[in-house]
Amino acid sequence: MKKLLILFALALCVGKSNAQMLGKNQVNDRADTLRGTLTPLRTCYDINYYHLDVKIDIDQKSVGGSNEFAFTATQDFTKLQFDLFSNLKVEKVRYKGMELPFTREYNAVFVTFPKAIKKGSKDQFTVFYSGNPVVAKNAPWDGGFIFKKDSAGNPFVSVACQGLGASVWWPNKDHQSDEVDSMLISISVPKTLQEISNGRLRSTVDQPDGYKQYNWFVSNPINNYDVTFYIGKYAHWQDSYAGENGNLSIDYWALQVDSAKARPHWDADVKPMLKCFEYWFGPYPWYKDGYKLVQAPHLGMEHQSAVAYGNQFKKGYLGRDLSGTGHGLKWDFITIHESGHEWFGNNITSKDIADMWIHEGFTNYSETLFTECTDSKKSGEEYVIGIRRGIENDTPIIGPYGVNKEGSSDMYPKGANLIHTIRQLINNDEKFRQILRGLNKTFYHKTVTTAEIENYIAKQSGLKLDKVFDQYLRHSAIPVLAYKINAGVLSYRWITDVKNFDMPIKVTLKADEYTLIKPTNDWKTIKVDPSITADNFKSDPQFYIKTKKE
């Protein structure tokens, strides 16, 4: 079975090439560098606030309007870069009542100011644009707008753009390292339909042309690819959850034609999910903006405070269990996984997409923790071991930096199993839980690097984990424990890419009992019980490794 993660990675690449309309490798490299690299033209300003104000014409499949950039200068400059896909037209850039000159190179736009913007000063400019954005062929695996109809024939429209980039549909500083502090999202749609975006609805305004403007305010930092909209004929109902930081509002938005089945289906998972994830990860990160679950015309995405849902109200992943254990059919994969991203991906965001394992590895492990919360620890262990069948160990799960490329799609199940292995090394579930909560507290609403995550876990656990992280994150292969048993003596060593690899591991020195040993890359020996042979010797399956009989 081709797993969803492989499809995700491949489709992103295909969608990216199609969207950018680039033919030669060196051209692709240049466009990727413009998008992925933090040059002085991008680091010279820190985004404070956006006001995105657009009209979406469903019949013409077009978007048009403006985005205001409010920023703080981090250095003196006269020129900066923002991003917008080249198939969309920049009509003008307005600054202090004048129009600024600009140039374009692929999907990057360079604006020149009439005089230097001084370091520390706050300023703003507004970009006006229009055009027909990329339409996704297989959302959310590729990126772009989605134009569908519900079962009653009503328009059902949205967008998904992780990886491809938010600049596929609106102008912004399209790099994960700089999250805007707050944002007003104003979307105008035909007044016969409803529109839902991130944050809280401030107002609606009837337009003279038969459209209605919905104004949503996001009061927390948000990464660009999370900014979204949903358009359709919706039913809306509300609930609340008594969480760690008080009363958390819950808003459900399902299509009118699906609302009857949506209510009981969502009720089964949402509050148990919030209870479980707050226990393991800490308070829900967006109390100011609330939690929304919104039916979408694609499978799902972690759109902050407005989680996209498209799993057809089935348990598992479209009715399938990705672990093969049966545990994954006891809850809705999309509700749990995409909501888990509110902590890892949205609250803690990688600065570079190369480190996207931080989003996906921890969130994939949230499925294990939810299974543990609602069933048993044993069931959670069976689930995380089961998802190993989807791991290819093809390329490293950290990608190349500075060119807007993620690593292997193994970042999902392999990342989860790395975290599960570290949990075994810590060997104290309460300490492990406090580390997960500490990550969300220490890096609350921040962008991070892999090094920061590694260092935090190592420091809080008191373990030497640098070689463990190196092997699992920066190499394709996982550690191999080579062994042989002769005359009651076990000989053992690690085979790894990383030199001086020294991860402890539990193995059977006695029948039905695991004992911790400390292999290195050099052969070591230890006595084993006479009942243990080279054929029945095994490692603790909670550690994600391979064994090799010599």
Protein backbone atom coordinates (compact mmCIF):
# COMPACT_ATOMS: atom_id res chain seq x y z
CA MET A 1 0.00 0.00 0.00
CA LYS A 2 1.36 3.40 -0.95
CA LYS A 3 1.20 5.30 2.29
CA LEU A 4 -0.27 8.77 2.48
CA LEU A 5 3.05 10.29 3.48
CA ILE A 6 4.80 9.28 0.25
CA LEU A 7 1.90 10.71 -1.73
CA PHE A 8 2.17 13.89 0.31
CA ALA A 9 5.84 14.42 -0.45
CA LEU A 10 5.60 13.52 -4.13
CA ALA A 11 2.54 15.61 -4.76
CA LEU A 12 4.12 18.65 -3.12
CA CYS A 13 7.04 18.39 -5.51
CA VAL A 14 4.78 18.00 -8.54
CA GLY A 15 2.52 20.81 -7.41
CA LYS A 16 5.46 23.07 -6.80
CA SER A 17 6.94 22.54 -10.24
CA ASN A 18 3.60 23.05 -11.95
CA ALA A 19 2.78 26.14 -9.93
CA GLN A 20 6.07 27.85 -10.49
CA MET A 21 6.11 26.91 -14.17
CA LEU A 22 9.86 26.34 -14.09
CA GLY A 23 11.64 24.04 -16.48
CA LYS A 24 15.38 23.74 -15.78
CA ASN A 25 17.00 22.51 -12.60
CA GLN A 26 19.04 25.66 -12.12
CA VAL A 27 15.91 27.78 -12.48
CA ASN A 28 14.10 25.68 -9.90
CA ASP A 29 17.12 26.04 -7.62
CA ARG A 30 17.06 29.81 -7.95
CA ALA A 31 13.32 30.04 -7.22
CA ASP A 32 13.68 27.68 -4.27
CA THR A 33 16.56 29.74 -2.91
CA LEU A 34 14.58 32.97 -3.21
CA ARG A 35 11.78 31.34 -1.26
CA GLY A 36 13.82 29.36 1.26
CA THR A 37 16.78 31.61 2.09
CA LEU A 38 16.75 34.42 4.62
CA THR A 39 18.63 37.15 2.77
CA PRO A 40 19.08 40.69 4.17
CA LEU A 41 16.11 41.72 2.01
CA ARG A 42 13.93 39.49 4.22
CA THR A 43 15.62 39.76 7.60
CA CYS A 44 15.60 43.57 7.42
CA TYR A 45 11.99 43.66 8.60
CA ASP A 46 9.95 41.80 11.22
CA ILE A 47 6.27 41.34 10.45
CA ASN A 48 3.94 42.64 13.18
CA TYR A 49 0.51 42.68 11.54
CA TYR A 50 -1.27 41.81 8.31
CA HIS A 51 -4.66 42.92 7.08
CA LEU A 52 -5.61 40.64 4.23
CA ASP A 53 -8.69 42.03 2.48
CA VAL A 54 -9.79 40.06 -0.59
CA LYS A 55 -12.81 39.11 -2.64
CA ILE A 56 -13.10 35.56 -3.93
CA ASP A 57 -15.01 35.16 -7.19
CA ILE A 58 -16.06 31.52 -7.29
CA ASP A 59 -17.37 31.62 -10.87
CA GLN A 60 -14.15 33.15 -12.21
CA LYS A 61 -11.95 31.18 -9.77
CA SER A 62 -10.16 34.41 -8.99
CA VAL A 63 -8.98 36.42 -6.02
CA GLY A 64 -8.34 40.13 -5.76
CA GLY A 65 -7.74 42.71 -3.10
CA SER A 66 -4.92 43.83 -0.85
CA ASN A 67 -2.68 42.95 2.05
CA GLU A 68 -1.30 45.51 4.46
CA PHE A 69 2.17 44.79 5.88
CA ALA A 70 2.93 46.43 9.23
CA PHE A 71 6.51 45.82 10.32
CA THR A 72 9.44 46.82 12.49
CA ALA A 73 12.76 47.48 10.77
CA THR A 74 15.53 45.27 12.19
CA GLN A 75 18.20 47.27 10.31
CA ASP A 76 18.42 50.28 8.03
CA PHE A 77 17.20 49.44 4.54
CA THR A 78 15.73 50.88 1.35
CA LYS A 79 14.68 47.62 -0.31
CA LEU A 80 12.87 44.49 0.84
CA GLN A 81 11.42 41.25 -0.52
CA PHE A 82 7.92 39.88 -0.18
CA ASP A 83 6.49 36.86 -1.98
CA LEU A 84 3.63 36.26 -4.40
CA PHE A 85 3.38 33.58 -7.07
CA SER A 86 4.20 34.92 -10.50
CA ASN A 87 0.82 33.96 -12.00
CA LEU A 88 -0.80 36.57 -9.74
CA LYS A 89 -0.46 40.23 -10.73
CA VAL A 90 0.90 42.84 -8.35
CA GLU A 91 -1.15 45.87 -9.36
CA LYS A 92 0.56 48.37 -7.09
CA VAL A 93 2.44 48.80 -3.83
CA ARG A 94 1.21 51.81 -1.87
CA TYR A 95 3.30 53.58 0.79
CA LYS A 96 2.43 56.90 2.46
CA GLY A 97 0.08 57.88 -0.37
CA MET A 98 2.52 57.03 -3.16
CA GLU A 99 3.15 54.02 -5.35
CA LEU A 100 6.49 52.30 -4.90
CA PRO A 101 8.56 50.81 -7.72
CA PHE A 102 9.00 47.05 -7.62
CA THR A 103 10.57 44.26 -9.63
CA ARG A 104 9.85 40.52 -9.77
CA GLU A 105 11.99 37.41 -10.02
CA TYR A 106 9.95 34.22 -10.17
CA ASN A 107 7.75 34.35 -7.05
CA ALA A 108 9.76 37.03 -5.25
CA VAL A 109 8.85 40.73 -5.37
CA PHE A 110 11.41 43.43 -4.54
CA VAL A 111 10.16 46.83 -3.36
CA THR A 112 12.28 49.99 -3.20
CA PHE A 113 11.42 52.79 -0.75
CA PRO A 114 12.05 56.50 -1.46
CA LYS A 115 14.35 56.83 1.57
CA ALA A 116 15.94 54.56 4.13
CA ILE A 117 13.72 52.90 6.72
CA LYS A 118 15.64 53.24 9.97
CA LYS A 119 16.35 50.35 12.31
CA GLY A 120 13.76 50.11 15.08
CA SER A 121 11.15 52.17 13.27
CA LYS A 122 7.65 50.87 12.64
CA ASP A 123 6.16 51.33 9.20
CA GLN A 124 3.71 49.81 6.75
CA PHE A 125 2.88 49.37 3.09
CA THR A 126 0.00 47.76 1.21
CA VAL A 127 0.15 45.42 -1.76
CA PHE A 128 -2.76 45.34 -4.20
CA TYR A 129 -3.05 42.26 -6.39
CA SER A 130 -5.38 40.06 -8.42
CA GLY A 131 -5.54 36.97 -10.58
CA ASN A 132 -6.40 33.32 -10.82
CA PRO A 133 -4.47 31.35 -8.19
CA VAL A 134 -3.23 27.82 -8.70
CA VAL A 135 -6.06 25.30 -8.39
CA ALA A 136 -5.01 22.18 -6.51
CA LYS A 137 -5.36 18.92 -8.36
CA ASN A 138 -5.15 16.70 -5.29
CA ALA A 139 -5.44 18.85 -2.17
CA PRO A 140 -4.01 18.88 0.39
CA TRP A 141 -1.11 16.91 -1.12
CA ASP A 142 -0.48 19.61 -3.67
CA GLY A 143 -1.31 23.24 -2.95
CA GLY A 144 -3.81 25.80 -4.13
CA PHE A 145 -7.50 26.64 -4.21
CA ILE A 146 -10.12 23.90 -4.07
CA PHE A 147 -13.39 24.49 -5.93
CA LYS A 148 -15.99 21.78 -5.30
CA LYS A 149 -19.71 21.44 -4.66
CA ASP A 150 -21.42 19.77 -1.75
CA SER A 151 -23.93 16.95 -2.22
CA ALA A 152 -26.73 19.51 -2.60
CA GLY A 153 -24.88 21.30 -5.40
CA ASN A 154 -23.77 24.32 -3.37
CA PRO A 155 -20.28 25.80 -3.80
CA PHE A 156 -17.69 24.34 -1.42
CA VAL A 157 -14.39 26.24 -1.63
CA SER A 158 -11.18 26.44 0.38
CA VAL A 159 -7.38 26.52 0.13
CA ALA A 160 -4.48 24.39 1.35
CA CYS A 161 -0.88 25.45 0.78
CA GLN A 162 1.59 23.92 3.24
CA GLY A 163 4.92 23.35 1.51
CA LEU A 164 3.87 25.10 -1.67
CA GLY A 165 3.52 28.34 0.28
CA ALA A 166 0.90 30.88 1.28
CA SER A 167 2.19 33.17 -1.48
CA VAL A 168 0.33 30.86 -3.86
CA TRP A 169 -2.74 33.00 -3.06
CA TRP A 170 -1.80 36.10 -1.03
CA PRO A 171 1.25 38.39 -0.78
CA ASN A 172 3.30 37.95 2.38
CA LYS A 173 6.76 37.35 3.74
CA ASP A 174 6.60 33.66 2.96
CA HIS A 175 9.09 32.14 5.37
CA GLN A 176 8.21 30.16 8.48
CA SER A 177 10.79 31.93 10.64
CA ASP A 178 8.75 35.15 10.81
CA GLU A 179 5.23 34.65 12.09
CA VAL A 180 2.99 37.67 12.10
CA ASP A 181 1.97 38.71 15.64
CA SER A 182 -1.70 39.28 14.80
CA MET A 183 -3.84 39.47 11.70
CA LEU A 184 -7.18 40.66 10.37
CA ILE A 185 -8.57 38.41 7.64
CA SER A 186 -11.33 40.03 5.58
CA ILE A 187 -12.86 37.73 2.97
CA SER A 188 -15.77 38.76 0.74
CA VAL A 189 -17.94 35.98 -0.70
CA PRO A 190 -21.41 35.73 -2.26
CA LYS A 191 -23.89 36.60 0.48
CA THR A 192 -25.81 33.35 -0.04
CA LEU A 193 -22.77 31.51 1.40
CA GLN A 194 -20.78 31.63 4.62
CA GLU A 195 -17.05 32.10 5.10
CA ILE A 196 -14.95 30.84 8.03
CA SER A 197 -11.33 31.77 8.73
CA ASN A 198 -8.87 31.63 11.61
CA GLY A 199 -9.46 33.46 14.87
CA ARG A 200 -12.72 35.05 15.97
CA LEU A 201 -15.39 36.69 13.84
CA ARG A 202 -15.46 40.42 14.52
CA SER A 203 -18.09 41.53 12.04
CA THR A 204 -19.82 40.94 8.74
CA VAL A 205 -20.51 43.70 6.22
CA ASP A 206 -23.00 43.47 3.34
CA GLN A 207 -21.49 44.68 0.09
CA PRO A 208 -23.51 46.44 -2.66
CA ASP A 209 -22.48 43.87 -5.28
CA GLY A 210 -24.20 40.89 -3.68
CA TYR A 211 -21.20 39.91 -1.59
CA LYS A 212 -20.73 39.81 2.17
CA GLN A 213 -17.43 40.55 3.91
CA TYR A 214 -16.44 38.40 6.89
CA ASN A 215 -13.85 39.93 9.22
CA TRP A 216 -11.89 37.47 11.36
CA PHE A 217 -9.24 38.59 13.82
CA VAL A 218 -6.33 36.37 14.85
CA SER A 219 -4.94 37.69 18.13
CA ASN A 220 -2.02 35.23 18.34
CA PRO A 221 1.04 34.66 16.14
CA ILE A 222 0.23 32.52 13.11
CA ASN A 223 2.37 30.97 10.40
CA ASN A 224 1.45 31.88 6.85
CA TYR A 225 0.38 28.47 5.55
CA ASP A 226 -2.17 28.21 8.38
CA VAL A 227 -4.08 31.28 7.13
CA THR A 228 -7.16 29.96 5.39
CA PHE A 229 -10.80 30.30 4.42
CA TYR A 230 -13.75 27.94 4.00
CA ILE A 231 -16.74 28.90 1.86
CA GLY A 232 -20.01 26.99 1.71
CA LYS A 233 -23.47 26.53 3.19
CA TYR A 234 -22.63 25.67 6.78
CA ALA A 235 -24.41 24.71 9.96
CA HIS A 236 -22.77 26.12 13.08
CA TRP A 237 -22.99 25.07 16.72
CA GLN A 238 -20.95 25.84 19.78
CA ASP A 239 -19.66 24.11 22.87
CA SER A 240 -16.95 24.71 25.45
CA TYR A 241 -14.28 22.82 27.32
CA ALA A 242 -13.14 23.48 30.89
CA GLY A 243 -9.42 23.43 30.18
CA GLU A 244 -6.23 24.23 32.05
CA ASN A 245 -6.41 27.92 31.14
CA GLY A 246 -10.13 28.33 31.72
CA ASN A 247 -13.14 28.00 29.47
CA LEU A 248 -12.11 27.17 25.89
CA SER A 249 -14.69 27.91 23.22
CA ILE A 250 -15.38 25.17 20.68
CA ASP A 251 -17.03 26.02 17.36
CA TYR A 252 -18.17 23.36 14.92
CA TRP A 253 -18.82 24.20 11.28
CA ALA A 254 -20.21 21.39 9.14
CA LEU A 255 -21.99 21.62 5.83
CA GLN A 256 -25.73 21.87 6.32
CA VAL A 257 -26.19 18.66 4.34
CA ASP A 258 -23.79 16.79 6.67
CA SER A 259 -24.51 18.38 10.04
CA ALA A 260 -26.69 15.55 11.37
CA LYS A 261 -23.88 13.00 11.12
CA ALA A 262 -21.17 15.51 12.02
CA ARG A 263 -22.50 16.28 15.51
CA PRO A 264 -22.23 12.84 17.14
CA HIS A 265 -19.08 11.98 15.20
CA TRP A 266 -17.14 15.05 16.33
CA ASP A 267 -18.53 14.89 19.86
CA ALA A 268 -16.95 11.46 20.29
CA ASP A 269 -13.38 12.72 19.82
CA VAL A 270 -12.96 16.46 20.39
CA LYS A 271 -13.25 16.81 24.16
CA PRO A 272 -11.34 13.57 24.87
CA MET A 273 -8.66 14.87 22.50
CA LEU A 274 -8.42 18.22 24.29
CA LYS A 275 -8.24 16.49 27.67
CA CYS A 276 -5.52 14.11 26.50
CA PHE A 277 -3.39 16.67 24.70
CA GLU A 278 -3.60 19.23 27.50
CA TYR A 279 -2.43 16.50 29.90
CA TRP A 280 0.54 15.54 27.74
CA PHE A 281 1.42 18.82 25.98
CA GLY A 282 0.10 21.57 28.23
CA PRO A 283 -2.71 24.09 27.74
CA TYR A 284 -4.24 24.49 24.30
CA PRO A 285 -2.12 27.31 22.81
CA TRP A 286 -4.90 29.46 21.35
CA TYR A 287 -7.48 30.21 24.06
CA LYS A 288 -7.82 33.78 22.74
CA ASP A 289 -8.80 32.52 19.30
CA GLY A 290 -10.68 29.39 20.37
CA TYR A 291 -10.85 25.94 18.79
CA LYS A 292 -12.80 25.42 15.57
CA LEU A 293 -13.32 22.24 13.56
CA VAL A 294 -14.44 23.07 10.03
CA GLN A 295 -15.56 20.72 7.28
CA ALA A 296 -13.32 21.20 4.25
CA PRO A 297 -13.38 20.12 0.59
CA HIS A 298 -10.11 18.22 1.11
CA LEU A 299 -8.85 15.62 3.59
CA GLY A 300 -7.53 17.93 6.30
CA MET A 301 -4.97 20.50 7.44
CA GLU A 302 -3.80 21.99 10.72
CA HIS A 303 -5.10 25.50 10.04
CA GLN A 304 -4.58 27.25 13.37
CA SER A 305 -7.79 27.68 15.42
CA ALA A 306 -9.79 26.54 12.35
CA VAL A 307 -8.76 22.91 11.81
CA ALA A 308 -9.71 21.57 8.37
CA TYR A 309 -11.69 18.32 8.44
CA GLY A 310 -12.49 16.12 5.42
CA ASN A 311 -12.37 12.52 6.66
CA GLN A 312 -15.97 11.79 5.60
CA PHE A 313 -17.01 11.24 9.23
CA LYS A 314 -15.25 7.89 9.34
CA LYS A 315 -13.04 6.34 11.97
CA GLY A 316 -9.40 5.82 11.11
CA TYR A 317 -7.91 7.37 7.99
CA LEU A 318 -10.84 7.35 5.56
CA GLY A 319 -11.94 4.13 7.25
CA ARG A 320 -8.48 2.52 7.33
CA ASP A 321 -6.09 1.90 10.21
CA LEU A 322 -2.58 3.03 9.28
CA SER A 323 -1.09 0.98 12.11
CA GLY A 324 -2.72 -2.30 11.11
CA THR A 325 -3.47 -2.99 14.78
CA GLY A 326 -7.14 -2.10 14.94
CA HIS A 327 -6.49 0.70 17.42
CA GLY A 328 -6.54 3.32 14.69
CA LEU A 329 -10.17 2.48 13.90
CA LYS A 330 -11.37 3.61 17.33
CA TRP A 331 -11.05 7.34 16.57
CA ASP A 332 -11.04 9.76 13.66
CA PHE A 333 -7.49 10.14 12.35
CA ILE A 334 -7.96 13.64 10.90
CA THR A 335 -9.62 15.10 14.01
CA ILE A 336 -6.83 13.80 16.23
CA HIS A 337 -3.80 14.32 13.98
CA GLU A 338 -4.65 17.78 12.66
CA SER A 339 -5.68 18.98 16.13
CA GLY A 340 -2.38 17.68 17.52
CA HIS A 341 -0.67 20.18 15.24
CA GLU A 342 -2.10 23.00 17.34
CA TRP A 343 0.74 22.19 19.74
CA PHE A 344 3.43 20.93 17.34
CA GLY A 345 3.46 22.85 14.06
CA ASN A 346 1.34 25.81 15.11
CA ASN A 347 2.48 26.60 18.65
CA ILE A 348 6.01 25.31 18.00
CA THR A 349 6.92 26.02 14.37
CA SER A 350 10.15 25.11 12.62
CA LYS A 351 12.06 28.09 11.23
CA ASP A 352 12.98 26.14 8.09
CA ILE A 353 10.75 23.61 6.38
CA ALA A 354 13.74 21.25 6.39
CA ASP A 355 12.97 20.73 10.09
CA MET A 356 9.33 19.82 9.48
CA TRP A 357 9.86 16.57 11.41
CA ILE A 358 9.29 18.74 14.51
CA HIS A 359 5.73 19.26 13.30
CA GLU A 360 5.03 15.79 11.98
CA GLY A 361 7.02 13.50 14.27
CA PHE A 362 5.55 14.86 17.50
CA THR A 363 2.07 15.15 16.01
CA ASN A 364 2.24 11.61 14.71
CA TYR A 365 3.18 10.57 18.23
CA SER A 366 0.11 12.42 19.52
CA GLU A 367 -1.92 9.62 17.91
CA THR A 368 -0.08 7.12 20.12
CA LEU A 369 -0.72 9.24 23.20
CA PHE A 370 -4.41 9.59 22.33
CA THR A 371 -4.65 5.81 21.98
CA GLU A 372 -2.97 5.51 25.37
CA CYS A 373 -5.32 8.08 26.92
CA THR A 374 -8.50 6.46 25.63
CA ASP A 375 -7.47 2.81 25.77
CA SER A 376 -4.26 1.70 27.47
CA LYS A 377 -0.51 2.19 27.42
CA LYS A 378 -0.16 -1.24 25.83
CA SER A 379 -2.51 -0.21 23.01
CA GLY A 380 -0.51 2.94 22.43
CA GLU A 381 2.68 0.91 22.21
CA GLU A 382 1.09 -1.46 19.73
CA TYR A 383 -0.08 1.49 17.65
CA VAL A 384 3.33 3.20 17.39
CA ILE A 385 5.03 -0.10 16.57
CA GLY A 386 2.35 -0.77 13.95
CA ILE A 387 2.96 2.45 12.05
CA ARG A 388 6.56 1.36 11.42
CA ARG A 389 5.28 -0.58 8.46
CA GLY A 390 4.98 2.76 6.64
CA ILE A 391 8.64 3.71 7.12
CA GLU A 392 10.88 3.54 4.06
CA ASN A 393 14.21 4.67 5.56
CA ASP A 394 14.93 6.10 2.12
CA THR A 395 16.41 9.52 2.85
CA PRO A 396 17.03 11.54 6.03
CA ILE A 397 14.00 13.10 7.65
CA ILE A 398 15.78 16.46 7.90
CA GLY A 399 15.89 18.13 4.50
CA PRO A 400 18.36 20.61 2.95
CA TYR A 401 18.27 24.04 4.57
CA GLY A 402 17.62 27.34 2.84
CA VAL A 403 15.81 26.02 -0.26
CA ASN A 404 12.27 25.38 1.03
CA LYS A 405 12.51 21.58 0.92
CA GLU A 406 11.41 19.12 3.55
CA GLY A 407 13.09 15.79 4.22
CA SER A 408 11.75 12.27 3.79
CA SER A 409 8.07 11.62 4.44
CA ASP A 410 9.39 9.17 7.04
CA MET A 411 9.29 12.23 9.31
CA TYR A 412 5.79 11.10 10.34
CA PRO A 413 6.11 7.48 11.57
CA LYS A 414 9.88 7.48 11.96
CA GLY A 415 9.76 10.75 13.87
CA ALA A 416 7.11 9.28 16.15
CA ASN A 417 9.19 6.16 16.74
CA LEU A 418 12.28 8.26 17.49
CA ILE A 419 10.26 10.05 20.17
CA HIS A 420 8.95 6.71 21.48
CA THR A 421 12.52 5.38 21.63
CA ILE A 422 13.64 8.46 23.58
CA ARG A 423 10.72 7.84 25.94
CA GLN A 424 12.19 4.37 26.63
CA LEU A 425 15.62 5.88 27.26
CA ILE A 426 14.16 8.36 29.74
CA ASN A 427 12.31 5.45 31.39
CA ASN A 428 10.13 7.77 33.43
CA ASP A 429 6.78 8.67 31.92
CA GLU A 430 6.20 11.63 34.23
CA LYS A 431 9.55 13.13 33.29
CA PHE A 432 8.77 12.45 29.62
CA ARG A 433 5.39 14.19 29.99
CA GLN A 434 6.98 17.21 31.64
CA ILE A 435 9.45 17.43 28.76
CA LEU A 436 6.59 17.52 26.23
CA ARG A 437 4.79 20.14 28.29
CA GLY A 438 8.06 22.03 28.79
CA LEU A 439 8.66 22.18 25.05
CA ASN A 440 5.29 23.86 24.55
CA LYS A 441 5.90 26.27 27.41
CA THR A 442 9.52 27.13 26.59
CA PHE A 443 8.86 27.57 22.86
CA TYR A 444 5.32 28.96 23.27
CA HIS A 445 4.28 30.76 20.09
CA LYS A 446 7.85 30.58 18.77
CA THR A 447 9.75 29.35 15.75
CA VAL A 448 12.56 26.89 16.43
CA THR A 449 15.40 24.86 14.99
CA THR A 450 16.04 21.15 15.38
CA ALA A 451 19.08 22.00 17.50
CA GLU A 452 16.90 23.87 20.00
CA ILE A 453 14.54 20.91 20.32
CA GLU A 454 17.42 18.44 20.66
CA ASN A 455 19.19 20.52 23.29
CA TYR A 456 16.04 21.02 25.34
CA ILE A 457 15.19 17.31 25.43
CA ALA A 458 18.77 16.34 26.25
CA LYS A 459 19.08 18.90 29.04
CA GLN A 460 15.73 18.11 30.64
CA SER A 461 16.19 14.35 30.40
CA GLY A 462 19.78 14.44 31.62
CA LEU A 463 20.73 12.08 28.79
CA LYS A 464 23.40 12.29 26.14
CA LEU A 465 21.23 12.16 23.01
CA ASP A 466 23.26 13.93 20.32
CA LYS A 467 24.30 10.74 18.54
CA VAL A 468 20.78 9.33 18.80
CA PHE A 469 19.32 12.41 17.11
CA ASP A 470 22.07 12.39 14.49
CA GLN A 471 21.45 8.80 13.46
CA TYR A 472 17.66 8.99 13.28
CA LEU A 473 17.34 12.50 11.85
CA ARG A 474 20.35 12.99 9.60
CA HIS A 475 20.86 9.51 8.14
CA SER A 476 18.52 7.20 6.29
CA ALA A 477 19.27 3.99 8.18
CA ILE A 478 18.31 3.20 11.76
CA PRO A 479 20.75 1.63 14.23
CA VAL A 480 21.48 -2.07 13.72
CA LEU A 481 22.39 -4.18 16.74
CA ALA A 482 24.76 -6.89 15.53
CA TYR A 483 25.06 -9.90 17.81
CA LYS A 484 26.27 -13.48 18.17
CA ILE A 485 25.95 -15.97 21.00
CA ASN A 486 28.52 -18.66 21.70
CA ALA A 487 28.89 -20.83 24.83
CA GLY A 488 26.52 -18.65 26.87
CA VAL A 489 28.21 -15.39 25.93
CA LEU A 490 26.52 -12.62 23.97
CA SER A 491 28.76 -10.51 21.74
CA TYR A 492 27.14 -7.29 20.54
CA ARG A 493 27.83 -3.93 18.88
CA TRP A 494 26.10 -1.13 17.02
CA ILE A 495 26.34 -0.73 13.26
CA THR A 496 25.61 2.93 12.55
CA ASP A 497 26.54 5.84 10.31
CA VAL A 498 27.29 7.95 13.38
CA LYS A 499 30.68 7.22 14.91
CA ASN A 500 30.91 6.30 18.59
CA PHE A 501 27.18 5.58 18.73
CA ASP A 502 26.35 4.50 22.27
CA MET A 503 22.56 4.30 22.72
CA PRO A 504 21.51 1.89 25.48
CA ILE A 505 19.03 -0.83 24.51
CA LYS A 506 17.02 -3.48 26.32
CA VAL A 507 17.52 -7.09 25.21
CA THR A 508 16.78 -10.60 26.44
CA LEU A 509 19.64 -11.88 28.57
CA LYS A 510 17.10 -14.15 30.24
CA ALA A 511 13.90 -15.67 28.90
CA ASP A 512 10.91 -13.29 28.96
CA GLU A 513 12.92 -10.52 30.59
CA TYR A 514 14.52 -7.41 29.11
CA THR A 515 17.78 -6.08 30.51
CA LEU A 516 19.45 -2.78 29.62
CA ILE A 517 22.83 -3.08 27.93
CA LYS A 518 25.08 -0.33 26.59
CA PRO A 519 26.47 -1.24 23.17
CA THR A 520 28.99 0.86 21.26
CA ASN A 521 30.43 0.44 17.77
CA ASP A 522 33.03 -1.92 19.26
CA TRP A 523 32.26 -5.49 20.22
CA LYS A 524 31.31 -6.09 23.84
CA THR A 525 30.42 -9.33 25.63
CA ILE A 526 28.10 -10.34 28.44
CA LYS A 527 26.88 -13.66 29.80
CA VAL A 528 23.37 -14.81 28.93
CA ASP A 529 21.06 -17.41 30.40
CA PRO A 530 21.50 -20.88 28.82
CA SER A 531 17.95 -20.61 27.46
CA ILE A 532 18.94 -17.68 25.23
CA THR A 533 20.27 -18.60 21.81
CA ALA A 534 21.10 -16.66 18.68
CA ASP A 535 17.70 -17.69 17.33
CA ASN A 536 15.49 -16.58 20.22
CA PHE A 537 17.52 -13.52 21.32
CA LYS A 538 15.62 -10.28 20.74
CA SER A 539 15.57 -6.60 21.55
CA ASP A 540 12.75 -4.75 23.26
CA PRO A 541 10.34 -3.80 20.42
CA GLN A 542 9.68 -0.43 22.10
CA PHE A 543 13.08 0.66 20.76
CA TYR A 544 13.02 1.35 17.02
CA ILE A 545 16.12 -0.53 15.82
CA LYS A 546 17.06 -3.52 13.71
CA THR A 547 18.95 -6.61 14.86
CA LYS A 548 21.41 -8.64 12.82
CA LYS A 549 22.67 -12.08 13.71
CA GLU A 550 26.35 -12.39 12.83
